[in-house]
C-alpha cells in the first residue's frame, strides 16, 4: 500500500514538472527598430501572439526630433500570400502613433510596412 502511494505521488510530480517545463509561454513583446533615409521607426506590438493586436509607434527624424505627418501601417504575410489593407495610425502626440486592433490571424512571420510620406520601412514581426 505504501509503495503504491509513493509511485502515484512520484507520477503526479513528474506530470506537473513536465507541464511546467513544456507549457507554452508568451514571449514578451519587444520594440522593433527600423530606419529609413530620414526617419527612425520604433514599432512595439502589444503581444507576440496571433489574433487581435495593437501597435505603439514612435517616429523621429535621424536627429531624434518627433516626426509629423500621416503614418500608415500595412501588415502582410508574404510567404502565405496574406496582406491586410493599409491602416492609418492615430496620432497621440508629435511622433507618437497608435494602431489599434489589427487582426494578425495566423502565427508565423509577418512583415509590417510603415510609411511616412515617401519614406517606407519593413519591420519583421514573428508571432506564435
Protein backbone atom coordinates (compact mmCIF):
# COMPACT_ATOMS: atom_id res chain seq x y z
CA UNK A 1 0.00 0.00 0.00
CA UNK A 2 2.75 2.40 0.99
CA UNK A 3 4.69 1.68 -2.18
CA UNK A 4 1.70 2.32 -4.48
CA UNK A 5 1.10 5.72 -2.80
CA UNK A 6 4.75 6.69 -3.35
CA UNK A 7 4.61 5.60 -7.00
CA UNK A 8 1.39 7.57 -7.55
CA UNK A 9 2.87 10.63 -5.85
CA UNK A 10 6.02 10.38 -7.97
CA UNK A 11 3.92 10.10 -11.14
CA UNK A 12 1.90 13.19 -10.20
CA UNK A 13 5.08 15.16 -9.50
CA UNK A 14 6.55 14.05 -12.85
CA UNK A 15 3.40 15.12 -14.75
CA UNK A 16 3.30 18.52 -13.02
CA UNK A 17 7.01 19.08 -13.72
CA UNK A 18 6.52 18.17 -17.40
CA UNK A 19 3.59 20.59 -17.68
CA UNK A 20 5.60 23.42 -16.12
CA UNK A 21 8.52 22.85 -18.48
CA UNK A 22 6.52 22.21 -21.66
CA UNK A 23 3.57 24.59 -21.21
CA UNK A 24 3.63 27.26 -23.97
CA UNK A 25 4.51 30.72 -22.77
CA UNK A 26 4.01 34.00 -24.49
CA UNK A 27 7.12 35.91 -25.37
CA UNK A 28 7.19 39.48 -24.15
CA UNK A 29 6.66 41.94 -26.97
CA UNK A 30 9.81 43.92 -27.69
CA UNK A 31 10.25 47.17 -29.63
CA UNK A 32 11.34 46.70 -33.25
CA UNK A 33 13.56 49.39 -34.78
CA UNK A 34 13.84 50.26 -38.47
CA UNK A 35 15.44 53.27 -40.14
CA UNK A 36 14.88 54.89 -43.49
CA UNK A 37 16.91 57.67 -45.07
CA UNK A 38 15.15 60.34 -42.99
CA UNK A 39 13.32 58.62 -40.13
CA UNK A 40 13.67 56.14 -37.28
CA UNK A 41 10.60 53.97 -36.65
CA UNK A 42 10.09 52.04 -33.40
CA UNK A 43 7.15 49.64 -33.51
CA UNK A 44 6.04 47.90 -30.31
CA UNK A 45 3.25 45.31 -30.57
CA UNK A 46 1.07 44.66 -27.54
CA UNK A 47 1.53 40.91 -27.97
CA UNK A 48 3.57 38.29 -29.78
CA UNK A 49 0.53 36.04 -30.20
CA UNK A 50 -1.57 35.75 -33.32
CA UNK A 51 -5.00 37.33 -33.23
CA UNK A 52 -6.05 40.86 -32.39
CA UNK A 53 -3.04 43.07 -31.79
CA UNK A 54 -2.27 46.77 -31.41
CA UNK A 55 0.89 48.68 -32.23
CA UNK A 56 2.54 51.58 -30.48
CA UNK A 57 4.65 53.50 -32.99
CA UNK A 58 7.22 56.21 -32.42
CA UNK A 59 8.71 58.09 -35.35
CA UNK A 60 11.59 60.53 -35.14
CA UNK A 61 13.94 62.07 -37.64
CA UNK A 62 17.56 60.92 -37.56
CA UNK A 63 18.37 63.68 -35.02
CA UNK A 64 15.71 62.43 -32.59
CA UNK A 65 13.08 65.11 -33.25
CA UNK A 66 9.45 63.96 -33.36
CA UNK A 67 8.24 63.40 -36.91
CA UNK A 68 4.87 64.63 -38.05
CA UNK A 69 2.55 63.56 -40.83
CA UNK A 70 0.24 60.73 -41.78
CA UNK A 71 1.62 57.30 -40.89
CA UNK A 72 0.24 54.13 -42.45
CA UNK A 73 0.85 50.52 -41.50
CA UNK A 74 0.46 47.59 -43.92
CA UNK A 75 0.67 44.13 -42.31
CA UNK A 76 1.47 41.27 -44.69
CA UNK A 77 2.49 37.64 -44.55
CA UNK A 78 4.14 37.24 -47.98
CA UNK A 79 5.07 33.57 -47.60
CA UNK A 80 1.40 32.71 -47.16
CA UNK A 81 0.05 35.27 -49.63
CA UNK A 82 -1.80 37.27 -46.95
CA UNK A 83 -1.97 41.08 -46.83
CA UNK A 84 -4.20 43.47 -44.95
CA UNK A 85 -5.40 46.82 -46.24
CA UNK A 86 -3.31 49.84 -45.19
CA UNK A 87 -4.25 51.23 -41.78
CA UNK A 88 -3.79 54.90 -40.87
CA UNK A 89 -2.16 55.23 -37.46
CA UNK A 90 -3.87 57.52 -34.97
CA UNK A 91 -1.61 60.35 -33.75
CA UNK A 92 -1.34 60.54 -29.94
CA UNK A 93 1.38 63.20 -29.68
CA UNK A 94 4.09 64.51 -32.02
CA UNK A 95 5.97 61.44 -33.23
CA UNK A 96 3.75 59.02 -31.26
CA UNK A 97 1.09 56.95 -33.00
CA UNK A 98 -1.26 54.06 -32.17
CA UNK A 99 -2.67 51.36 -34.42
CA UNK A 100 -5.48 49.56 -32.56
CA UNK A 101 -7.00 46.14 -33.14
CA UNK A 102 -5.12 44.70 -36.10
CA UNK A 103 -6.21 41.11 -36.82
CA UNK A 104 -2.96 39.20 -37.35
CA UNK A 105 -4.90 35.97 -37.68
CA UNK A 106 -2.07 33.50 -38.16
CA UNK A 107 1.10 32.55 -36.30
CA UNK A 108 4.31 32.94 -38.26
CA UNK A 109 6.47 35.63 -39.87
CA UNK A 110 4.65 38.88 -40.63
CA UNK A 111 6.09 41.97 -42.30
CA UNK A 112 4.78 45.32 -41.11
CA UNK A 113 5.40 48.07 -43.68
CA UNK A 114 5.33 51.51 -42.06
CA UNK A 115 5.16 54.64 -44.21
CA UNK A 116 5.50 58.35 -43.52
CA UNK A 117 5.40 60.47 -46.66
CA UNK A 118 7.68 58.82 -49.20
CA UNK A 119 9.72 57.00 -46.54
CA UNK A 120 8.92 53.31 -46.04
CA UNK A 121 10.40 50.60 -43.85
CA UNK A 122 9.55 46.94 -43.43
CA UNK A 123 9.63 45.58 -39.89
CA UNK A 124 9.63 41.79 -39.40
CA UNK A 125 7.31 40.51 -36.65
CA UNK A 126 7.25 36.85 -35.59
CA UNK A 127 4.01 35.72 -33.95
CA UNK A 128 3.40 32.50 -32.05
